[in-house]
Amino acid sequence: MARVAKSRRTPSESSPVELERSRAGAAEPPHVSGVERVYRALRSDILTLELAPSAALDEQRLSQAFGLSRTPVREALVRLTVEGLAVSLPKRGTIVAPLDLSRVPAYFDALTLMQRVVSRLAARHYRPGELDRAEALRRAFAEAVARSDVLAMIEVNRDFHVALAESGHNPYYTGFYARLLDEGRRMLRLYYASFHDRLPERYVDEHGTLLAAVKARDEARADRVARRHAEQVAEQIRSLLAAELGSSLELDDAALSDRPVRQGAT
């Protein structure tokens, strides 16, 4: 089973003491709890791949590094596990969630289809004022790109698409779609890194095009734009992973086809 394990540091080099020391001079505000401090630090390093997939997250070492008891560390690890960024293994403790390449085709199949579904639903069902948040997030994403702020790009991109999905008023679709977006955040880090942390303007523009289609209640156009938006990300990540492994990784053609979304499903 192929897995991505590349990062700037290996698991053995990713000492929690080093992680915490690297943040000296960037202290959290005094009101931030110990749980939040550990959670933010680890989450950042997991999403940027500074902590490699499958790296151990040892409670005792983390508690020593952060100068905290094991209770807040354990709570932070639980939060990361709920988000899918960490995995708790029987008798082995907690590790960074692996990146399993065998699931990439199925992942993009699901993501592409759901992005199309929720975009059509948004165009059909949004109510006055409900797209204001999506518009604000569209601008925030463009600002993050201008700053080359990769973590902000990942976070705001996720929030933008979830905001659109919420305006479709189907909590089942929205919940599943949000989980897919969360699961793919580290793959997006690989994707954005392929542009040296600078996204071409056309990807910023695609958010605007998708939002405009939704505002116009043009379901067919929203579907097309959403599919194209997901497809180009899938293709780029496939190419990156293929280059990384030295072999091809074929995506399911059905996921990237121009098949129509059944009206009964949306």
C-alpha atoms as a PDB file:
ATOM      1  CA  MET A   1       0.000   0.000   0.000  1.00  0.00           C
ATOM      2  CA  ALA A   2       1.633   3.199  -1.162  1.00  0.00           C
ATOM      3  CA  ARG A   3       1.903   6.013   1.333  1.00  0.00           C
ATOM      4  CA  VAL A   4       3.418   9.474   1.239  1.00  0.00           C
ATOM      5  CA  ALA A   5       5.984   9.869   3.969  1.00  0.00           C
ATOM      6  CA  LYS A   6       8.068  12.740   2.688  1.00  0.00           C
ATOM      7  CA  SER A   7       8.473  15.860   4.795  1.00  0.00           C
ATOM      8  CA  ARG A   8      11.186  18.298   5.663  1.00  0.00           C
ATOM      9  CA  ARG A   9      11.964  16.205   8.723  1.00  0.00           C
ATOM     10  CA  THR A  10      11.659  12.520   9.376  1.00  0.00           C
ATOM     11  CA  PRO A  11       9.559  11.297  12.322  1.00  0.00           C
ATOM     12  CA  SER A  12      12.716  10.754  14.379  1.00  0.00           C
ATOM     13  CA  GLU A  13      13.853  14.305  13.624  1.00  0.00           C
ATOM     14  CA  SER A  14      10.454  15.804  14.406  1.00  0.00           C
ATOM     15  CA  SER A  15      11.151  16.197  18.108  1.00  0.00           C
ATOM     16  CA  PRO A  16       8.321  17.908  19.974  1.00  0.00           C
ATOM     17  CA  VAL A  17      11.005  19.830  21.863  1.00  0.00           C
ATOM     18  CA  GLU A  18      12.284  21.204  18.554  1.00  0.00           C
ATOM     19  CA  LEU A  19       8.756  21.956  17.445  1.00  0.00           C
ATOM     20  CA  GLU A  20       8.095  24.038  20.521  1.00  0.00           C
ATOM     21  CA  ARG A  21      11.466  25.765  20.484  1.00  0.00           C
ATOM     22  CA  SER A  22      10.875  26.791  16.864  1.00  0.00           C
ATOM     23  CA  ARG A  23       7.962  28.870  18.106  1.00  0.00           C
ATOM     24  CA  ALA A  24       9.991  30.938  20.552  1.00  0.00           C
ATOM     25  CA  GLY A  25       9.363  34.571  19.840  1.00  0.00           C
ATOM     26  CA  ALA A  26       5.909  33.784  18.490  1.00  0.00           C
ATOM     27  CA  ALA A  27       4.173  33.293  21.810  1.00  0.00           C
ATOM     28  CA  GLU A  28       0.431  32.791  21.909  1.00  0.00           C
ATOM     29  CA  PRO A  29      -1.734  35.455  23.537  1.00  0.00           C
ATOM     30  CA  PRO A  30      -2.123  34.884  27.297  1.00  0.00           C
ATOM     31  CA  HIS A  31      -5.796  33.873  26.982  1.00  0.00           C
ATOM     32  CA  VAL A  32      -4.976  30.846  24.774  1.00  0.00           C
ATOM     33  CA  SER A  33      -5.330  27.612  26.734  1.00  0.00           C
ATOM     34  CA  GLY A  34      -2.743  24.871  26.877  1.00  0.00           C
ATOM     35  CA  VAL A  35      -5.000  22.593  24.854  1.00  0.00           C
ATOM     36  CA  GLU A  36      -5.380  25.226  22.146  1.00  0.00           C
ATOM     37  CA  ARG A  37      -1.640  25.939  22.080  1.00  0.00           C
ATOM     38  CA  VAL A  38      -0.724  22.278  21.556  1.00  0.00           C
ATOM     39  CA  TYR A  39      -3.546  21.776  19.061  1.00  0.00           C
ATOM     40  CA  ARG A  40      -2.569  24.787  16.938  1.00  0.00           C
ATOM     41  CA  ALA A  41       1.126  23.925  16.908  1.00  0.00           C
ATOM     42  CA  LEU A  42       0.657  20.281  15.958  1.00  0.00           C
ATOM     43  CA  ARG A  43      -2.107  21.017  13.482  1.00  0.00           C
ATOM     44  CA  SER A  44       0.096  23.539  11.699  1.00  0.00           C
ATOM     45  CA  ASP A  45       3.003  21.105  11.432  1.00  0.00           C
ATOM     46  CA  ILE A  46       0.747  18.270  10.249  1.00  0.00           C
ATOM     47  CA  LEU A  47      -0.886  20.404   7.545  1.00  0.00           C
ATOM     48  CA  THR A  48       2.453  21.760   6.294  1.00  0.00           C
ATOM     49  CA  LEU A  49       3.932  18.226   6.361  1.00  0.00           C
ATOM     50  CA  GLU A  50       6.597  19.343   8.829  1.00  0.00           C
ATOM     51  CA  LEU A  51       5.362  16.360  10.805  1.00  0.00           C
ATOM     52  CA  ALA A  52       5.501  13.401   8.466  1.00  0.00           C
ATOM     53  CA  PRO A  53       2.531  11.101   7.926  1.00  0.00           C
ATOM     54  CA  SER A  54       2.633   8.256  10.476  1.00  0.00           C
ATOM     55  CA  ALA A  55       4.983  10.183  12.804  1.00  0.00           C
ATOM     56  CA  ALA A  56       4.480   9.329  16.475  1.00  0.00           C
ATOM     57  CA  LEU A  57       2.737  11.893  18.717  1.00  0.00           C
ATOM     58  CA  ASP A  58       3.989  10.844  22.130  1.00  0.00           C
ATOM     59  CA  GLU A  59       1.990  12.365  24.992  1.00  0.00           C
ATOM     60  CA  GLN A  60       4.860  12.379  27.464  1.00  0.00           C
ATOM     61  CA  ARG A  61       7.342  14.016  25.116  1.00  0.00           C
ATOM     62  CA  LEU A  62       4.774  16.583  24.026  1.00  0.00           C
ATOM     63  CA  SER A  63       3.840  17.424  27.610  1.00  0.00           C
ATOM     64  CA  GLN A  64       7.515  18.003  28.420  1.00  0.00           C
ATOM     65  CA  ALA A  65       8.066  20.089  25.296  1.00  0.00           C
ATOM     66  CA  PHE A  66       5.069  22.338  25.944  1.00  0.00           C
ATOM     67  CA  GLY A  67       5.538  22.459  29.714  1.00  0.00           C
ATOM     68  CA  LEU A  68       2.056  21.065  30.324  1.00  0.00           C
ATOM     69  CA  SER A  69       0.486  18.071  32.006  1.00  0.00           C
ATOM     70  CA  ARG A  70      -0.555  15.170  29.819  1.00  0.00           C
ATOM     71  CA  THR A  71      -4.268  16.029  30.138  1.00  0.00           C
ATOM     72  CA  PRO A  72      -4.282  19.088  27.807  1.00  0.00           C
ATOM     73  CA  VAL A  73      -1.958  17.268  25.417  1.00  0.00           C
ATOM     74  CA  ARG A  74      -4.348  14.315  25.329  1.00  0.00           C
ATOM     75  CA  GLU A  75      -7.294  16.663  24.679  1.00  0.00           C
ATOM     76  CA  ALA A  76      -5.411  18.308  21.796  1.00  0.00           C
ATOM     77  CA  LEU A  77      -4.662  14.900  20.286  1.00  0.00           C
ATOM     78  CA  VAL A  78      -8.331  13.951  20.556  1.00  0.00           C
ATOM     79  CA  ARG A  79      -9.262  17.093  18.600  1.00  0.00           C
ATOM     80  CA  LEU A  80      -6.739  16.226  15.908  1.00  0.00           C
ATOM     81  CA  THR A  81      -8.099  12.683  15.753  1.00  0.00           C
ATOM     82  CA  VAL A  82     -11.663  13.939  15.324  1.00  0.00           C
ATOM     83  CA  GLU A  83     -10.467  16.115  12.431  1.00  0.00           C
ATOM     84  CA  GLY A  84      -8.808  13.122  10.778  1.00  0.00           C
ATOM     85  CA  LEU A  85      -5.310  14.565  11.154  1.00  0.00           C
ATOM     86  CA  ALA A  86      -4.228  11.977  13.732  1.00  0.00           C
ATOM     87  CA  VAL A  87      -5.024   8.335  14.399  1.00  0.00           C
ATOM     88  CA  SER A  88      -5.195   6.549  17.743  1.00  0.00           C
ATOM     89  CA  LEU A  89      -3.814   3.011  17.528  1.00  0.00           C
ATOM     90  CA  PRO A  90      -4.348   0.320  20.187  1.00  0.00           C
ATOM     91  CA  LYS A  91      -1.174  -0.162  22.261  1.00  0.00           C
ATOM     92  CA  ARG A  92       0.736   2.251  19.998  1.00  0.00           C
ATOM     93  CA  GLY A  93      -0.628   5.611  21.050  1.00  0.00           C
ATOM     94  CA  THR A  94      -1.388   8.387  18.594  1.00  0.00           C
ATOM     95  CA  ILE A  95       0.287   8.992  15.237  1.00  0.00           C
ATOM     96  CA  VAL A  96      -0.082  11.527  12.457  1.00  0.00           C
ATOM     97  CA  ALA A  97      -2.699  10.206  10.044  1.00  0.00           C
ATOM     98  CA  PRO A  98      -1.046   8.408   7.108  1.00  0.00           C
ATOM     99  CA  LEU A  99      -1.533   9.585   3.545  1.00  0.00           C
ATOM    100  CA  ASP A 100      -2.723   6.452   1.791  1.00  0.00           C
ATOM    101  CA  LEU A 101      -2.210   6.790  -1.951  1.00  0.00           C
ATOM    102  CA  SER A 102      -4.379   3.793  -2.715  1.00  0.00           C
ATOM    103  CA  ARG A 103      -7.377   5.923  -1.688  1.00  0.00           C
ATOM    104  CA  VAL A 104      -6.550   8.939  -3.880  1.00  0.00           C
ATOM    105  CA  PRO A 105      -8.665   7.875  -6.902  1.00  0.00           C
ATOM    106  CA  ALA A 106     -11.705   7.155  -4.735  1.00  0.00           C
ATOM    107  CA  TYR A 107     -11.137  10.386  -2.807  1.00  0.00           C
ATOM    108  CA  PHE A 108     -11.160  12.586  -5.912  1.00  0.00           C
ATOM    109  CA  ASP A 109     -14.090  10.690  -7.356  1.00  0.00           C
ATOM    110  CA  ALA A 110     -16.101  11.569  -4.247  1.00  0.00           C
ATOM    111  CA  LEU A 111     -14.781  15.142  -3.986  1.00  0.00           C
ATOM    112  CA  THR A 112     -15.473  15.970  -7.634  1.00  0.00           C
ATOM    113  CA  LEU A 113     -19.003  14.628  -7.527  1.00  0.00           C
ATOM    114  CA  MET A 114     -19.858  16.292  -4.224  1.00  0.00           C
ATOM    115  CA  GLN A 115     -18.425  19.640  -5.301  1.00  0.00           C
ATOM    116  CA  ARG A 116     -20.735  19.544  -8.302  1.00  0.00           C
ATOM    117  CA  VAL A 117     -23.751  18.478  -6.246  1.00  0.00           C
ATOM    118  CA  VAL A 118     -23.394  21.134  -3.542  1.00  0.00           C
ATOM    119  CA  SER A 119     -22.718  23.860  -6.115  1.00  0.00           C
ATOM    120  CA  ARG A 120     -25.909  23.007  -7.994  1.00  0.00           C
ATOM    121  CA  LEU A 121     -27.850  22.931  -4.746  1.00  0.00           C
ATOM    122  CA  ALA A 122     -26.474  26.331  -3.749  1.00  0.00           C
ATOM    123  CA  ALA A 123     -27.576  27.832  -7.064  1.00  0.00           C
ATOM    124  CA  ARG A 124     -31.031  26.378  -6.612  1.00  0.00           C
ATOM    125  CA  HIS A 125     -31.729  27.047  -2.938  1.00  0.00           C
ATOM    126  CA  TYR A 126     -29.677  29.979  -1.598  1.00  0.00           C
ATOM    127  CA  ARG A 127     -31.605  32.683   0.215  1.00  0.00           C
ATOM    128  CA  PRO A 128     -31.045  36.457   0.259  1.00  0.00           C
ATOM    129  CA  GLY A 129     -27.895  37.369   2.168  1.00  0.00           C
ATOM    130  CA  GLU A 130     -26.635  33.801   2.463  1.00  0.00           C
ATOM    131  CA  LEU A 131     -23.846  34.260  -0.074  1.00  0.00           C
ATOM    132  CA  ASP A 132     -22.322  37.256   1.731  1.00  0.00           C
ATOM    133  CA  ARG A 133     -20.015  35.016   3.760  1.00  0.00           C
ATOM    134  CA  ALA A 134     -18.893  33.154   0.649  1.00  0.00           C
ATOM    135  CA  GLU A 135     -18.119  36.501  -0.997  1.00  0.00           C
ATOM    136  CA  ALA A 136     -16.042  37.597   2.013  1.00  0.00           C
ATOM    137  CA  LEU A 137     -14.167  34.297   1.943  1.00  0.00           C
ATOM    138  CA  ARG A 138     -13.568  34.644  -1.793  1.00  0.00           C
ATOM    139  CA  ARG A 139     -11.821  37.943  -1.113  1.00  0.00           C
ATOM    140  CA  ALA A 140      -9.922  36.464   1.834  1.00  0.00           C
ATOM    141  CA  PHE A 141      -8.647  33.639  -0.378  1.00  0.00           C
ATOM    142  CA  ALA A 142      -7.381  36.126  -2.960  1.00  0.00           C
ATOM    143  CA  GLU A 143      -5.609  38.044  -0.189  1.00  0.00           C
ATOM    144  CA  ALA A 144      -4.016  34.828   1.115  1.00  0.00           C
ATOM    145  CA  VAL A 145      -2.723  34.070  -2.390  1.00  0.00           C
ATOM    146  CA  ALA A 146      -1.299  37.582  -2.664  1.00  0.00           C
ATOM    147  CA  ARG A 147       0.520  37.007   0.654  1.00  0.00           C
ATOM    148  CA  SER A 148       1.662  33.499  -0.392  1.00  0.00           C
ATOM    149  CA  ASP A 149       0.130  32.309   2.883  1.00  0.00           C
ATOM    150  CA  VAL A 150      -0.327  28.607   2.180  1.00  0.00           C
ATOM    151  CA  LEU A 151      -2.059  27.657   5.423  1.00  0.00           C
ATOM    152  CA  ALA A 152      -4.523  30.516   4.981  1.00  0.00           C
ATOM    153  CA  MET A 153      -5.177  29.390   1.397  1.00  0.00           C
ATOM    154  CA  ILE A 154      -5.999  25.883   2.588  1.00  0.00           C
ATOM    155  CA  GLU A 155      -8.232  27.051   5.421  1.00  0.00           C
ATOM    156  CA  VAL A 156     -10.064  29.757   3.500  1.00  0.00           C
ATOM    157  CA  ASN A 157     -10.528  27.557   0.435  1.00  0.00           C
ATOM    158  CA  ARG A 158     -12.215  24.979   2.645  1.00  0.00           C
ATOM    159  CA  ASP A 159     -14.410  27.572   4.329  1.00  0.00           C
ATOM    160  CA  PHE A 160     -15.404  29.149   0.999  1.00  0.00           C
ATOM    161  CA  HIS A 161     -16.646  25.876  -0.437  1.00  0.00           C
ATOM    162  CA  VAL A 162     -18.405  24.893   2.794  1.00  0.00           C
ATOM    163  CA  ALA A 163     -20.146  28.288   2.881  1.00  0.00           C
ATOM    164  CA  LEU A 164     -21.470  27.661  -0.618  1.00  0.00           C
ATOM    165  CA  ALA A 165     -22.547  24.154   0.348  1.00  0.00           C
ATOM    166  CA  GLU A 166     -24.417  25.434   3.407  1.00  0.00           C
ATOM    167  CA  SER A 167     -26.492  27.725   1.201  1.00  0.00           C
ATOM    168  CA  GLY A 168     -27.824  24.594  -0.520  1.00  0.00           C
ATOM    169  CA  HIS A 169     -29.609  23.609   2.700  1.00  0.00           C
ATOM    170  CA  ASN A 170     -28.849  19.901   2.702  1.00  0.00           C
ATOM    171  CA  PRO A 171     -26.902  19.167   5.912  1.00  0.00           C
ATOM    172  CA  TYR A 172     -26.132  15.602   4.840  1.00  0.00           C
ATOM    173  CA  TYR A 173     -24.388  16.669   1.656  1.00  0.00           C
ATOM    174  CA  THR A 174     -22.699  19.583   3.437  1.00  0.00           C
ATOM    175  CA  GLY A 175     -21.398  17.385   6.254  1.00  0.00           C
ATOM    176  CA  PHE A 176     -19.972  14.783   3.903  1.00  0.00           C
ATOM    177  CA  TYR A 177     -18.442  17.429   1.640  1.00  0.00           C
ATOM    178  CA  ALA A 178     -16.826  19.220   4.602  1.00  0.00           C
ATOM    179  CA  ARG A 179     -15.266  15.945   5.764  1.00  0.00           C
ATOM    180  CA  LEU A 180     -13.856  15.368   2.282  1.00  0.00           C
ATOM    181  CA  LEU A 181     -12.347  18.848   2.223  1.00  0.00           C
ATOM    182  CA  ASP A 182     -10.816  18.321   5.653  1.00  0.00           C
ATOM    183  CA  GLU A 183      -9.324  14.984   4.626  1.00  0.00           C
ATOM    184  CA  GLY A 184      -7.672  16.569   1.595  1.00  0.00           C
ATOM    185  CA  ARG A 185      -5.912  19.460   3.307  1.00  0.00           C
ATOM    186  CA  ARG A 186      -2.475  17.857   3.284  1.00  0.00           C
ATOM    187  CA  MET A 187      -2.818  16.934  -0.373  1.00  0.00           C
ATOM    188  CA  LEU A 188      -3.631  20.590  -1.019  1.00  0.00           C
ATOM    189  CA  ARG A 189      -0.363  21.472   0.726  1.00  0.00           C
ATOM    190  CA  LEU A 190       1.466  19.325  -1.825  1.00  0.00           C
ATOM    191  CA  TYR A 191      -0.549  20.965  -4.584  1.00  0.00           C
ATOM    192  CA  TYR A 192       0.137  24.540  -3.528  1.00  0.00           C
ATOM    193  CA  ALA A 193       3.815  23.750  -3.014  1.00  0.00           C
ATOM    194  CA  SER A 194       4.018  22.808  -6.691  1.00  0.00           C
ATOM    195  CA  PHE A 195       3.517  26.514  -7.441  1.00  0.00           C
ATOM    196  CA  HIS A 196       6.192  27.493  -4.932  1.00  0.00           C
ATOM    197  CA  ASP A 197       3.325  28.602  -2.699  1.00  0.00           C
ATOM    198  CA  ARG A 198       1.977  30.976  -5.365  1.00  0.00           C
ATOM    199  CA  LEU A 199      -1.291  30.071  -7.019  1.00  0.00           C
ATOM    200  CA  PRO A 200      -1.917  31.351 -10.543  1.00  0.00           C
ATOM    201  CA  GLU A 201      -4.570  34.012 -10.661  1.00  0.00           C
ATOM    202  CA  ARG A 202      -6.880  31.788 -12.660  1.00  0.00           C
ATOM    203  CA  TYR A 203      -7.575  29.698  -9.578  1.00  0.00           C
ATOM    204  CA  VAL A 204      -8.534  32.796  -7.637  1.00  0.00           C
ATOM    205  CA  ASP A 205     -10.761  33.752 -10.548  1.00  0.00           C
ATOM    206  CA  GLU A 206     -12.471  30.342 -10.520  1.00  0.00           C
ATOM    207  CA  HIS A 207     -13.892  31.068  -7.075  1.00  0.00           C
ATOM    208  CA  GLY A 208     -15.378  34.249  -8.458  1.00  0.00           C
ATOM    209  CA  THR A 209     -16.760  32.452 -11.507  1.00  0.00           C
ATOM    210  CA  LEU A 210     -18.325  29.741  -9.367  1.00  0.00           C
ATOM    211  CA  LEU A 211     -19.862  32.262  -6.986  1.00  0.00           C
ATOM    212  CA  ALA A 212     -21.238  34.287  -9.915  1.00  0.00           C
ATOM    213  CA  ALA A 213     -22.877  31.176 -11.369  1.00  0.00           C
ATOM    214  CA  VAL A 214     -24.485  30.384  -8.030  1.00  0.00           C
ATOM    215  CA  LYS A 215     -25.713  33.964  -7.607  1.00  0.00           C
ATOM    216  CA  ALA A 216     -27.245  33.806 -11.101  1.00  0.00           C
ATOM    217  CA  ARG A 217     -28.978  30.532 -10.123  1.00  0.00           C
ATOM    218  CA  ASP A 218     -27.346  28.945 -13.153  1.00  0.00           C
ATOM    219  CA  GLU A 219     -27.148  25.329 -11.984  1.00  0.00           C
ATOM    220  CA  ALA A 220     -25.616  23.964 -15.177  1.00  0.00           C
ATOM    221  CA  ARG A 221     -22.836  26.557 -15.179  1.00  0.00           C
ATOM    222  CA  ALA A 222     -22.177  26.068 -11.471  1.00  0.00           C
ATOM    223  CA  ASP A 223     -21.869  22.344 -12.147  1.00  0.00           C
ATOM    224  CA  ARG A 224     -19.383  22.872 -14.988  1.00  0.00           C
ATOM    225  CA  VAL A 225     -17.230  25.322 -13.056  1.00  0.00           C
ATOM    226  CA  ALA A 226     -17.227  23.142  -9.930  1.00  0.00           C
ATOM    227  CA  ARG A 227     -16.226  20.086 -11.946  1.00  0.00           C
ATOM    228  CA  ARG A 228     -13.414  21.945 -13.725  1.00  0.00           C
ATOM    229  CA  HIS A 229     -12.187  23.393 -10.431  1.00  0.00           C
ATOM    230  CA  ALA A 230     -11.996  19.958  -8.803  1.00  0.00           C
ATOM    231  CA  GLU A 231     -10.552  18.327 -11.923  1.00  0.00           C
ATOM    232  CA  GLN A 232      -7.542  20.581 -12.257  1.00  0.00           C
ATOM    233  CA  VAL A 233      -6.626  20.043  -8.587  1.00  0.00           C
ATOM    234  CA  ALA A 234      -7.013  16.272  -8.981  1.00  0.00           C
ATOM    235  CA  GLU A 235      -4.875  16.190 -12.112  1.00  0.00           C
ATOM    236  CA  GLN A 236      -2.114  18.302 -10.575  1.00  0.00           C
ATOM    237  CA  ILE A 237      -1.939  16.186  -7.423  1.00  0.00           C
ATOM    238  CA  ARG A 238      -1.967  12.997  -9.494  1.00  0.00           C
ATOM    239  CA  SER A 239       1.012  14.304 -11.464  1.00  0.00           C
ATOM    240  CA  LEU A 240       2.845  15.309  -8.301  1.00  0.00           C
ATOM    241  CA  LEU A 241       2.312  11.930  -6.669  1.00  0.00           C
ATOM    242  CA  ALA A 242       3.257  10.069  -9.829  1.00  0.00           C
ATOM    243  CA  ALA A 243       6.510  12.027  -9.996  1.00  0.00           C
ATOM    244  CA  GLU A 244       7.103  11.397  -6.300  1.00  0.00           C
ATOM    245  CA  LEU A 245       6.661   7.641  -6.697  1.00  0.00           C
ATOM    246  CA  GLY A 246       8.242   7.352 -10.113  1.00  0.00           C
ATOM    247  CA  SER A 247       5.124   5.648 -11.437  1.00  0.00           C
ATOM    248  CA  SER A 248       1.693   6.623 -12.729  1.00  0.00           C
ATOM    249  CA  LEU A 249      -1.334   6.902 -10.475  1.00  0.00           C
ATOM    250  CA  GLU A 250      -4.470   6.670 -12.576  1.00  0.00           C
ATOM    251  CA  LEU A 251      -7.579   8.464 -11.390  1.00  0.00           C
ATOM    252  CA  ASP A 252     -10.983   6.990 -12.066  1.00  0.00           C
ATOM    253  CA  ASP A 253     -12.011   8.367 -15.455  1.00  0.00           C
ATOM    254  CA  ALA A 254     -15.610   8.532 -14.275  1.00  0.00           C
ATOM    255  CA  ALA A 255     -14.624  11.043 -11.619  1.00  0.00           C
ATOM    256  CA  LEU A 256     -13.245  13.427 -14.199  1.00  0.00           C
ATOM    257  CA  SER A 257     -15.773  12.878 -16.954  1.00  0.00           C
ATOM    258  CA  ASP A 258     -18.376  15.390 -18.016  1.00  0.00           C
ATOM    259  CA  ARG A 259     -21.215  13.138 -16.962  1.00  0.00           C
ATOM    260  CA  PRO A 260     -24.307  15.060 -15.851  1.00  0.00           C
ATOM    261  CA  VAL A 261     -25.349  15.056 -12.235  1.00  0.00           C
ATOM    262  CA  ARG A 262     -28.722  13.398 -11.935  1.00  0.00           C
ATOM    263  CA  GLN A 263     -31.380  15.988 -11.217  1.00  0.00           C
ATOM    264  CA  GLY A 264     -32.952  13.690  -8.687  1.00  0.00           C
ATOM    265  CA  ALA A 265     -29.774  13.845  -6.637  1.00  0.00           C
ATOM    266  CA  THR A 266     -29.698  17.604  -6.435  1.00  0.00           C
END
